[in-house]
């Protein structure tokens, strides 16, 4: 059963959020399997990543509670090749203690909507660790379906780790040709 929902506001991430985003992400890099990075990027690197994504038209959001950024989510390219240009991969990270309060679901729902408005047609979740039930559950609630599991594709914290792939259509999905080049 989720903990009580907290009042959050969602907004586009600003450059001034980079240090807080880096702090949240560092926790996940150092303690979890949601990301396969092993060294936390600093605020300057997170700012560089933010600028690159936003300049390319990808949505990048933060969740605030009581004036503090408690989570963030963004969509980025799924793969680099041109034929993948209408498909995005989502990423969502919450500060420790912000889980099970509806923040992840709110961020993911808003990210799905923003990516659809931007003209993207498919969203892929690449979930680190097949044991990450919370992320799998949140994606399922937001309309993602299981696409498969890649067994033992990462090695972190002295063990092999799976990646779970989930997918959902955005807008018309594959029913019509895309509107943008």
N, C-alpha and C. Protein backbone atom coordinates (compact mmCIF):
# COMPACT_ATOMS: atom_id res chain seq x y z
N UNK A 1 0.85 -1.17 0.00
CA UNK A 1 0.00 0.00 0.00
C UNK A 1 0.90 1.24 0.00
N UNK A 2 0.68 2.19 -0.94
CA UNK A 2 1.51 3.38 -0.97
C UNK A 2 1.35 4.22 0.29
N UNK A 3 2.42 4.91 0.64
CA UNK A 3 2.35 5.88 1.72
C UNK A 3 1.46 7.03 1.25
N UNK A 4 1.11 7.91 2.14
CA UNK A 4 0.25 9.04 1.79
C UNK A 4 0.90 9.86 0.68
N UNK A 5 0.08 10.27 -0.28
CA UNK A 5 0.57 11.11 -1.36
C UNK A 5 0.97 12.46 -0.78
N UNK A 6 1.96 13.07 -1.39
CA UNK A 6 2.40 14.38 -0.96
C UNK A 6 2.08 15.37 -2.06
N UNK A 7 1.90 16.62 -1.68
CA UNK A 7 1.64 17.66 -2.67
C UNK A 7 2.93 17.93 -3.43
N UNK A 8 2.88 17.75 -4.73
CA UNK A 8 4.03 18.04 -5.57
C UNK A 8 3.58 18.91 -6.73
N UNK A 9 4.49 19.68 -7.21
CA UNK A 9 4.26 20.42 -8.45
C UNK A 9 5.33 19.96 -9.43
N UNK A 10 4.92 19.87 -10.67
CA UNK A 10 5.83 19.46 -11.74
C UNK A 10 6.09 20.66 -12.62
N UNK A 11 7.32 20.74 -13.11
CA UNK A 11 7.68 21.83 -14.02
C UNK A 11 8.86 21.37 -14.85
N UNK A 12 9.11 22.09 -15.96
CA UNK A 12 10.33 21.78 -16.72
C UNK A 12 11.56 22.03 -15.84
N UNK A 13 12.53 21.17 -15.97
CA UNK A 13 13.78 21.36 -15.22
C UNK A 13 14.47 22.63 -15.72
N UNK A 14 15.09 23.34 -14.80
CA UNK A 14 15.84 24.54 -15.13
C UNK A 14 17.33 24.26 -14.92
N UNK A 15 18.15 25.07 -15.53
CA UNK A 15 19.59 24.89 -15.36
C UNK A 15 19.99 24.97 -13.90
N UNK A 16 19.28 25.79 -13.14
CA UNK A 16 19.58 25.94 -11.71
C UNK A 16 19.32 24.67 -10.91
N UNK A 17 18.62 23.71 -11.49
CA UNK A 17 18.33 22.44 -10.81
C UNK A 17 19.46 21.43 -10.92
N UNK A 18 20.48 21.72 -11.70
CA UNK A 18 21.51 20.72 -12.02
C UNK A 18 22.19 20.15 -10.78
N UNK A 19 22.51 20.99 -9.81
CA UNK A 19 23.20 20.49 -8.61
C UNK A 19 22.30 19.53 -7.83
N UNK A 20 21.03 19.87 -7.70
CA UNK A 20 20.10 19.00 -6.97
C UNK A 20 19.86 17.70 -7.73
N UNK A 21 19.73 17.78 -9.04
CA UNK A 21 19.57 16.59 -9.87
C UNK A 21 20.80 15.70 -9.72
N UNK A 22 21.99 16.29 -9.75
CA UNK A 22 23.22 15.52 -9.59
C UNK A 22 23.25 14.83 -8.23
N UNK A 23 22.77 15.50 -7.20
CA UNK A 23 22.74 14.93 -5.85
C UNK A 23 21.80 13.72 -5.78
N UNK A 24 20.61 13.87 -6.35
CA UNK A 24 19.66 12.76 -6.37
C UNK A 24 20.24 11.59 -7.16
N UNK A 25 20.79 11.88 -8.33
CA UNK A 25 21.32 10.82 -9.18
C UNK A 25 22.52 10.13 -8.54
N UNK A 26 23.36 10.87 -7.87
CA UNK A 26 24.55 10.28 -7.21
C UNK A 26 24.13 9.19 -6.24
N UNK A 27 23.07 9.42 -5.50
CA UNK A 27 22.58 8.40 -4.57
C UNK A 27 22.28 7.10 -5.31
N UNK A 28 21.60 7.20 -6.44
CA UNK A 28 21.22 6.01 -7.21
C UNK A 28 22.43 5.33 -7.84
N UNK A 29 23.38 6.12 -8.31
CA UNK A 29 24.60 5.56 -8.89
C UNK A 29 25.36 4.76 -7.83
N UNK A 30 25.47 5.33 -6.64
CA UNK A 30 26.30 4.72 -5.59
C UNK A 30 25.61 3.60 -4.82
N UNK A 31 24.27 3.57 -4.81
CA UNK A 31 23.59 2.60 -3.95
C UNK A 31 22.62 1.67 -4.67
N UNK A 32 22.29 1.94 -5.92
CA UNK A 32 21.23 1.18 -6.56
C UNK A 32 21.59 0.62 -7.92
N UNK A 33 20.64 -0.10 -8.46
CA UNK A 33 20.82 -0.75 -9.76
C UNK A 33 19.93 -0.15 -10.84
N UNK A 34 19.24 0.94 -10.54
CA UNK A 34 18.40 1.59 -11.54
C UNK A 34 19.23 2.17 -12.67
N UNK A 35 20.46 2.53 -12.39
CA UNK A 35 21.39 3.01 -13.40
C UNK A 35 22.61 2.10 -13.41
N UNK A 36 23.18 1.92 -14.57
CA UNK A 36 24.38 1.11 -14.67
C UNK A 36 25.64 1.98 -14.66
N UNK A 37 25.50 3.29 -14.45
CA UNK A 37 26.68 4.12 -14.23
C UNK A 37 27.27 3.73 -12.89
N UNK A 38 28.58 3.83 -12.77
CA UNK A 38 29.24 3.45 -11.53
C UNK A 38 29.94 4.62 -10.85
N UNK A 39 30.12 5.72 -11.56
CA UNK A 39 30.71 6.94 -11.00
C UNK A 39 29.70 8.06 -11.17
N UNK A 40 29.32 8.72 -10.08
CA UNK A 40 28.32 9.79 -10.20
C UNK A 40 28.86 11.00 -10.97
N UNK A 41 28.13 11.45 -11.97
CA UNK A 41 28.52 12.67 -12.67
C UNK A 41 28.33 13.89 -11.76
N UNK A 42 29.16 14.89 -11.94
CA UNK A 42 29.01 16.10 -11.14
C UNK A 42 27.92 17.00 -11.73
N UNK A 43 27.66 18.11 -11.05
CA UNK A 43 26.59 19.01 -11.48
C UNK A 43 26.86 19.58 -12.87
N UNK A 44 28.12 19.86 -13.19
CA UNK A 44 28.44 20.39 -14.52
C UNK A 44 28.09 19.39 -15.61
N UNK A 45 28.35 18.13 -15.37
CA UNK A 45 28.02 17.09 -16.36
C UNK A 45 26.50 16.93 -16.46
N UNK A 46 25.80 16.97 -15.34
CA UNK A 46 24.34 16.86 -15.39
C UNK A 46 23.74 18.06 -16.12
N UNK A 47 24.32 19.24 -15.94
CA UNK A 47 23.87 20.42 -16.67
C UNK A 47 24.12 20.25 -18.16
N UNK A 48 25.29 19.73 -18.54
CA UNK A 48 25.59 19.49 -19.94
C UNK A 48 24.57 18.53 -20.55
N UNK A 49 24.24 17.45 -19.83
CA UNK A 49 23.27 16.48 -20.32
C UNK A 49 21.89 17.12 -20.47
N UNK A 50 21.50 17.91 -19.49
CA UNK A 50 20.21 18.61 -19.54
C UNK A 50 20.15 19.51 -20.76
N UNK A 51 21.17 20.34 -20.94
CA UNK A 51 21.18 21.27 -22.08
C UNK A 51 21.08 20.53 -23.41
N UNK A 52 21.81 19.44 -23.54
CA UNK A 52 21.79 18.67 -24.79
C UNK A 52 20.41 18.10 -25.07
N UNK A 53 19.78 17.53 -24.07
CA UNK A 53 18.45 16.95 -24.28
C UNK A 53 17.42 18.02 -24.62
N UNK A 54 17.41 19.09 -23.87
CA UNK A 54 16.42 20.16 -24.09
C UNK A 54 16.63 20.79 -25.48
N UNK A 55 17.88 21.00 -25.86
CA UNK A 55 18.17 21.58 -27.18
C UNK A 55 17.67 20.69 -28.31
N UNK A 56 17.59 19.40 -28.07
CA UNK A 56 17.14 18.45 -29.09
C UNK A 56 15.63 18.18 -29.00
N UNK A 57 14.92 18.90 -28.12
CA UNK A 57 13.47 18.80 -28.06
C UNK A 57 12.93 17.71 -27.16
N UNK A 58 13.76 17.16 -26.28
CA UNK A 58 13.31 16.13 -25.36
C UNK A 58 12.79 16.77 -24.07
N UNK A 59 11.71 16.25 -23.49
CA UNK A 59 11.21 16.80 -22.24
C UNK A 59 12.06 16.40 -21.04
N UNK A 60 12.20 17.33 -20.10
CA UNK A 60 12.99 17.11 -18.88
C UNK A 60 12.24 17.82 -17.77
N UNK A 61 11.77 17.08 -16.78
CA UNK A 61 10.89 17.62 -15.74
C UNK A 61 11.47 17.42 -14.35
N UNK A 62 11.04 18.25 -13.41
CA UNK A 62 11.34 18.03 -12.00
C UNK A 62 10.04 18.05 -11.22
N UNK A 63 10.06 17.37 -10.07
CA UNK A 63 8.96 17.41 -9.12
C UNK A 63 9.45 18.15 -7.90
N UNK A 64 8.66 19.10 -7.43
CA UNK A 64 8.99 19.86 -6.23
C UNK A 64 7.95 19.59 -5.15
N UNK A 65 8.42 19.53 -3.93
CA UNK A 65 7.55 19.43 -2.77
C UNK A 65 8.11 20.38 -1.73
N UNK A 66 7.28 21.24 -1.21
CA UNK A 66 7.69 22.24 -0.21
C UNK A 66 8.91 23.03 -0.69
N UNK A 67 8.93 23.36 -1.99
CA UNK A 67 10.00 24.18 -2.55
C UNK A 67 11.30 23.46 -2.83
N UNK A 68 11.31 22.15 -2.68
CA UNK A 68 12.53 21.35 -2.86
C UNK A 68 12.33 20.37 -4.00
N UNK A 69 13.32 20.24 -4.89
CA UNK A 69 13.26 19.24 -5.95
C UNK A 69 13.44 17.87 -5.30
N UNK A 70 12.43 17.01 -5.48
CA UNK A 70 12.44 15.68 -4.86
C UNK A 70 12.54 14.56 -5.89
N UNK A 71 12.52 14.93 -7.15
CA UNK A 71 12.65 13.94 -8.21
C UNK A 71 12.74 14.61 -9.55
N UNK A 72 13.13 13.83 -10.54
CA UNK A 72 13.20 14.34 -11.89
C UNK A 72 12.99 13.20 -12.87
N UNK A 73 12.61 13.58 -14.09
CA UNK A 73 12.38 12.60 -15.15
C UNK A 73 12.70 13.27 -16.48
N UNK A 74 13.20 12.49 -17.39
CA UNK A 74 13.44 13.02 -18.72
C UNK A 74 13.30 11.91 -19.74
N UNK A 75 13.09 12.32 -20.98
CA UNK A 75 13.11 11.40 -22.10
C UNK A 75 14.33 11.75 -22.93
N UNK A 76 14.97 10.73 -23.43
CA UNK A 76 16.13 10.92 -24.29
C UNK A 76 16.07 9.93 -25.43
N UNK A 77 17.01 10.02 -26.33
CA UNK A 77 16.98 9.10 -27.47
C UNK A 77 17.10 7.65 -27.02
N UNK A 78 16.30 6.79 -27.64
CA UNK A 78 16.39 5.36 -27.33
C UNK A 78 17.66 4.78 -27.94
N UNK A 79 17.91 5.05 -29.18
CA UNK A 79 19.13 4.64 -29.86
C UNK A 79 19.53 5.77 -30.81
N UNK A 80 20.77 5.78 -31.25
CA UNK A 80 21.29 6.89 -32.04
C UNK A 80 20.90 6.85 -33.52
N UNK A 81 20.62 5.72 -34.07
CA UNK A 81 20.35 5.62 -35.51
C UNK A 81 19.06 6.35 -35.88
N UNK A 82 19.03 6.94 -37.08
CA UNK A 82 17.92 7.81 -37.52
C UNK A 82 16.55 7.14 -37.46
N UNK A 83 16.46 5.87 -37.76
CA UNK A 83 15.15 5.22 -37.77
C UNK A 83 14.51 5.17 -36.39
N UNK A 84 15.30 5.37 -35.33
CA UNK A 84 14.78 5.38 -33.97
C UNK A 84 14.32 6.77 -33.52
N UNK A 85 14.34 7.76 -34.38
CA UNK A 85 14.14 9.15 -33.96
C UNK A 85 12.78 9.46 -33.34
N UNK A 86 11.80 8.58 -33.50
CA UNK A 86 10.49 8.80 -32.90
C UNK A 86 10.30 7.99 -31.61
N UNK A 87 11.36 7.33 -31.19
CA UNK A 87 11.30 6.49 -29.99
C UNK A 87 12.21 7.09 -28.93
N UNK A 88 11.69 7.20 -27.71
CA UNK A 88 12.46 7.76 -26.60
C UNK A 88 12.56 6.74 -25.48
N UNK A 89 13.57 6.94 -24.65
CA UNK A 89 13.75 6.15 -23.43
C UNK A 89 13.51 7.08 -22.25
N UNK A 90 12.77 6.60 -21.26
CA UNK A 90 12.51 7.44 -20.09
C UNK A 90 13.47 7.13 -18.96
N UNK A 91 13.70 8.12 -18.13
CA UNK A 91 14.49 7.98 -16.90
C UNK A 91 13.78 8.75 -15.80
N UNK A 92 13.66 8.14 -14.62
CA UNK A 92 13.00 8.77 -13.48
C UNK A 92 13.82 8.45 -12.23
N UNK A 93 14.11 9.47 -11.45
CA UNK A 93 14.84 9.28 -10.20
C UNK A 93 14.21 10.14 -9.11
N UNK A 94 14.06 9.56 -7.93
CA UNK A 94 13.50 10.26 -6.78
C UNK A 94 14.53 10.30 -5.66
N UNK A 95 14.45 11.34 -4.83
CA UNK A 95 15.33 11.38 -3.68
C UNK A 95 14.94 10.25 -2.71
N UNK A 96 15.90 9.78 -1.92
CA UNK A 96 15.57 8.74 -0.94
C UNK A 96 14.45 9.23 -0.02
N UNK A 97 13.49 8.38 0.22
CA UNK A 97 12.35 8.72 1.08
C UNK A 97 11.15 9.26 0.32
N UNK A 98 11.31 9.55 -0.97
CA UNK A 98 10.19 10.08 -1.75
C UNK A 98 9.42 8.97 -2.47
N UNK A 99 9.82 7.74 -2.27
CA UNK A 99 9.16 6.62 -2.93
C UNK A 99 7.77 6.38 -2.32
N UNK A 100 6.93 5.73 -3.10
CA UNK A 100 5.60 5.29 -2.65
C UNK A 100 4.70 6.45 -2.21
N UNK A 101 4.85 7.58 -2.85
CA UNK A 101 4.02 8.75 -2.53
C UNK A 101 3.33 9.32 -3.77
N UNK A 102 3.44 8.61 -4.90
CA UNK A 102 2.80 9.06 -6.13
C UNK A 102 3.65 9.98 -6.97
N UNK A 103 4.85 10.31 -6.51
CA UNK A 103 5.70 11.26 -7.23
C UNK A 103 6.21 10.65 -8.53
N UNK A 104 6.67 9.41 -8.48
CA UNK A 104 7.16 8.75 -9.68
C UNK A 104 6.07 8.61 -10.73
N UNK A 105 4.87 8.23 -10.30
CA UNK A 105 3.74 8.11 -11.23
C UNK A 105 3.39 9.46 -11.85
N UNK A 106 3.40 10.51 -11.03
CA UNK A 106 3.09 11.84 -11.54
C UNK A 106 4.14 12.28 -12.57
N UNK A 107 5.41 12.07 -12.25
CA UNK A 107 6.48 12.43 -13.19
C UNK A 107 6.36 11.64 -14.49
N UNK A 108 6.15 10.33 -14.37
CA UNK A 108 6.08 9.51 -15.57
C UNK A 108 4.87 9.88 -16.42
N UNK A 109 3.72 10.09 -15.79
CA UNK A 109 2.54 10.49 -16.55
C UNK A 109 2.76 11.80 -17.30
N UNK A 110 3.35 12.77 -16.63
CA UNK A 110 3.62 14.06 -17.27
C UNK A 110 4.67 13.92 -18.38
N UNK A 111 5.64 13.06 -18.16
CA UNK A 111 6.68 12.83 -19.17
C UNK A 111 6.08 12.17 -20.41
N UNK A 112 5.22 11.19 -20.22
CA UNK A 112 4.54 10.54 -21.35
C UNK A 112 3.77 11.59 -22.15
N UNK A 113 3.01 12.43 -21.47
CA UNK A 113 2.23 13.46 -22.15
C UNK A 113 3.14 14.44 -22.90
N UNK A 114 4.22 14.88 -22.27
CA UNK A 114 5.13 15.84 -22.90
C UNK A 114 5.81 15.23 -24.12
N UNK A 115 6.21 13.98 -24.03
CA UNK A 115 6.87 13.32 -25.16
C UNK A 115 5.89 13.14 -26.32
N UNK A 116 4.65 12.82 -26.01
CA UNK A 116 3.63 12.69 -27.07
C UNK A 116 3.40 14.04 -27.74
N UNK A 117 3.28 15.10 -26.95
CA UNK A 117 3.10 16.45 -27.52
C UNK A 117 4.28 16.85 -28.41
N UNK A 118 5.47 16.36 -28.07
CA UNK A 118 6.67 16.69 -28.86
C UNK A 118 6.76 15.86 -30.15
N UNK A 119 5.82 14.94 -30.35
CA UNK A 119 5.78 14.19 -31.59
C UNK A 119 6.44 12.82 -31.54
N UNK A 120 6.90 12.40 -30.39
CA UNK A 120 7.48 11.07 -30.28
C UNK A 120 6.36 10.04 -30.28
N UNK A 121 6.65 8.81 -30.72
CA UNK A 121 5.61 7.81 -30.91
C UNK A 121 5.72 6.57 -30.04
N UNK A 122 6.88 6.29 -29.50
CA UNK A 122 7.06 5.14 -28.62
C UNK A 122 7.95 5.56 -27.46
N UNK A 123 7.68 4.99 -26.29
CA UNK A 123 8.56 5.23 -25.14
C UNK A 123 8.99 3.88 -24.60
N UNK A 124 10.28 3.75 -24.37
CA UNK A 124 10.88 2.53 -23.86
C UNK A 124 11.39 2.79 -22.44
N UNK A 125 11.09 1.88 -21.54
CA UNK A 125 11.68 1.91 -20.20
C UNK A 125 12.74 0.81 -20.17
N UNK A 126 13.96 1.19 -19.85
CA UNK A 126 15.04 0.22 -19.67
C UNK A 126 15.31 0.22 -18.17
N UNK A 127 14.74 -0.76 -17.50
CA UNK A 127 14.75 -0.80 -16.04
C UNK A 127 15.89 -1.68 -15.57
N UNK A 128 16.81 -1.08 -14.84
CA UNK A 128 17.92 -1.83 -14.28
C UNK A 128 17.43 -2.74 -13.17
N UNK A 129 17.75 -4.00 -13.25
CA UNK A 129 17.46 -5.01 -12.24
C UNK A 129 16.03 -5.53 -12.35
N UNK A 130 15.91 -6.78 -12.72
CA UNK A 130 14.58 -7.39 -12.84
C UNK A 130 13.87 -7.47 -11.49
N UNK A 131 14.59 -7.24 -10.41
CA UNK A 131 13.98 -7.20 -9.08
C UNK A 131 13.45 -5.83 -8.71
N UNK A 132 13.52 -4.86 -9.60
CA UNK A 132 13.06 -3.50 -9.32
C UNK A 132 11.53 -3.44 -9.51
N UNK A 133 10.82 -4.08 -8.59
CA UNK A 133 9.37 -4.19 -8.69
C UNK A 133 8.68 -2.83 -8.69
N UNK A 134 9.20 -1.87 -7.95
CA UNK A 134 8.55 -0.56 -7.87
C UNK A 134 8.54 0.12 -9.24
N UNK A 135 9.66 0.11 -9.94
CA UNK A 135 9.72 0.74 -11.26
C UNK A 135 8.86 -0.01 -12.26
N UNK A 136 8.90 -1.33 -12.22
CA UNK A 136 8.07 -2.13 -13.12
C UNK A 136 6.59 -1.83 -12.86
N UNK A 137 6.22 -1.72 -11.61
CA UNK A 137 4.82 -1.44 -11.24
C UNK A 137 4.40 -0.05 -11.71
N UNK A 138 5.22 0.96 -11.49
CA UNK A 138 4.88 2.33 -11.89
C UNK A 138 4.73 2.42 -13.41
N UNK A 139 5.61 1.77 -14.13
CA UNK A 139 5.50 1.79 -15.59
C UNK A 139 4.23 1.06 -16.05
N UNK A 140 3.93 -0.05 -15.42
CA UNK A 140 2.70 -0.77 -15.76
C UNK A 140 1.46 0.07 -15.54
N UNK A 141 1.43 0.80 -14.42
CA UNK A 141 0.29 1.69 -14.14
C UNK A 141 0.16 2.81 -15.16
N UNK A 142 1.27 3.17 -15.78
CA UNK A 142 1.25 4.25 -16.78
C UNK A 142 1.12 3.72 -18.20
N UNK A 143 0.67 2.47 -18.35
CA UNK A 143 0.35 1.95 -19.66
C UNK A 143 1.47 1.23 -20.39
N UNK A 144 2.59 1.02 -19.74
CA UNK A 144 3.69 0.28 -20.38
C UNK A 144 3.38 -1.22 -20.30
N UNK A 145 3.82 -1.94 -21.32
CA UNK A 145 3.69 -3.39 -21.31
C UNK A 145 5.09 -3.99 -21.32
N UNK A 146 5.17 -5.18 -20.79
CA UNK A 146 6.45 -5.88 -20.74
C UNK A 146 6.88 -6.23 -22.16
N UNK A 147 8.14 -5.92 -22.50
CA UNK A 147 8.68 -6.24 -23.82
C UNK A 147 9.73 -7.34 -23.72
N UNK A 148 10.35 -7.49 -22.56
CA UNK A 148 11.34 -8.56 -22.40
C UNK A 148 12.35 -8.26 -21.32
N UNK A 149 13.16 -9.24 -21.05
CA UNK A 149 14.23 -9.10 -20.06
C UNK A 149 15.54 -9.52 -20.71
N UNK A 150 16.53 -8.69 -20.56
CA UNK A 150 17.89 -9.01 -21.01
C UNK A 150 18.64 -9.49 -19.77
N UNK A 151 18.95 -10.76 -19.75
CA UNK A 151 19.56 -11.37 -18.57
C UNK A 151 21.04 -11.03 -18.46
N UNK A 152 21.44 -10.65 -17.26
CA UNK A 152 22.85 -10.49 -16.91
C UNK A 152 23.63 -9.62 -17.89
N UNK A 153 23.07 -8.45 -18.25
CA UNK A 153 23.76 -7.57 -19.20
C UNK A 153 24.62 -6.51 -18.52
N UNK A 154 24.47 -6.35 -17.21
CA UNK A 154 25.28 -5.40 -16.46
C UNK A 154 25.96 -6.09 -15.30
N UNK A 155 27.08 -5.55 -14.88
CA UNK A 155 27.78 -6.09 -13.71
C UNK A 155 28.06 -4.91 -12.78
N UNK A 156 27.40 -4.92 -11.63
CA UNK A 156 27.52 -3.82 -10.68
C UNK A 156 27.41 -4.38 -9.27
N UNK A 157 28.15 -3.83 -8.36
CA UNK A 157 28.16 -4.26 -6.96
C UNK A 157 28.48 -5.75 -6.83
N UNK A 158 29.36 -6.22 -7.69
CA UNK A 158 29.84 -7.59 -7.60
C UNK A 158 28.87 -8.65 -8.08
N UNK A 159 27.85 -8.24 -8.84
CA UNK A 159 26.91 -9.26 -9.34
C UNK A 159 26.38 -8.86 -10.71
N UNK A 160 25.91 -9.87 -11.43
CA UNK A 160 25.29 -9.66 -12.73
C UNK A 160 23.87 -9.13 -12.53
N UNK A 161 23.49 -8.19 -13.40
CA UNK A 161 22.19 -7.53 -13.27
C UNK A 161 21.46 -7.56 -14.61
N UNK A 162 20.16 -7.84 -14.53
CA UNK A 162 19.31 -7.86 -15.72
C UNK A 162 18.85 -6.44 -16.07
N UNK A 163 18.34 -6.29 -17.28
CA UNK A 163 17.58 -5.10 -17.68
C UNK A 163 16.22 -5.57 -18.14
N UNK A 164 15.19 -4.91 -17.67
CA UNK A 164 13.82 -5.19 -18.08
C UNK A 164 13.42 -4.11 -19.07
N UNK A 165 12.84 -4.53 -20.18
CA UNK A 165 12.36 -3.59 -21.19
C UNK A 165 10.84 -3.55 -21.16
N UNK A 166 10.31 -2.33 -21.07
CA UNK A 166 8.87 -2.13 -21.15
C UNK A 166 8.63 -1.04 -22.20
N UNK A 167 7.44 -1.04 -22.79
CA UNK A 167 7.17 -0.12 -23.89
C UNK A 167 5.73 0.34 -23.86
N UNK A 168 5.52 1.57 -24.33
CA UNK A 168 4.16 2.07 -24.53
C UNK A 168 4.15 3.00 -25.73
N UNK A 169 3.02 3.00 -26.42
CA UNK A 169 2.83 3.91 -27.54
C UNK A 169 2.57 5.32 -27.00
N UNK A 170 2.95 6.30 -27.78
CA UNK A 170 2.67 7.70 -27.49
C UNK A 170 1.80 8.25 -28.62
N UNK A 171 0.78 8.98 -28.28
CA UNK A 171 -0.10 9.52 -29.32
C UNK A 171 -0.67 8.41 -30.18
N UNK A 172 -0.53 8.54 -31.49
CA UNK A 172 -1.03 7.53 -32.42
C UNK A 172 -0.12 6.30 -32.49
N UNK A 173 0.99 6.32 -31.80
CA UNK A 173 1.90 5.19 -31.85
C UNK A 173 2.26 4.87 -33.29
N UNK A 174 2.12 3.61 -33.67
CA UNK A 174 2.47 3.16 -35.02
C UNK A 174 1.27 3.18 -35.96
N UNK A 175 0.14 3.75 -35.54
CA UNK A 175 -1.08 3.72 -36.37
C UNK A 175 -1.01 4.67 -37.55
N UNK A 176 -0.21 5.73 -37.44
CA UNK A 176 -0.09 6.71 -38.54
C UNK A 176 1.37 7.08 -38.71
N UNK A 177 1.68 7.70 -39.84
CA UNK A 177 3.04 8.19 -40.09
C UNK A 177 3.30 9.38 -39.17
N UNK A 178 4.54 9.58 -38.77
CA UNK A 178 4.88 10.71 -37.89
C UNK A 178 4.68 12.05 -38.61
N UNK A 179 4.43 13.09 -37.79
CA UNK A 179 4.21 14.43 -38.34
C UNK A 179 5.49 15.21 -38.56
N UNK A 180 6.56 14.81 -37.90
CA UNK A 180 7.79 15.60 -38.00
C UNK A 180 8.90 14.75 -38.61
N UNK A 181 9.89 15.43 -39.21
CA UNK A 181 10.97 14.78 -39.94
C UNK A 181 11.90 14.06 -39.10
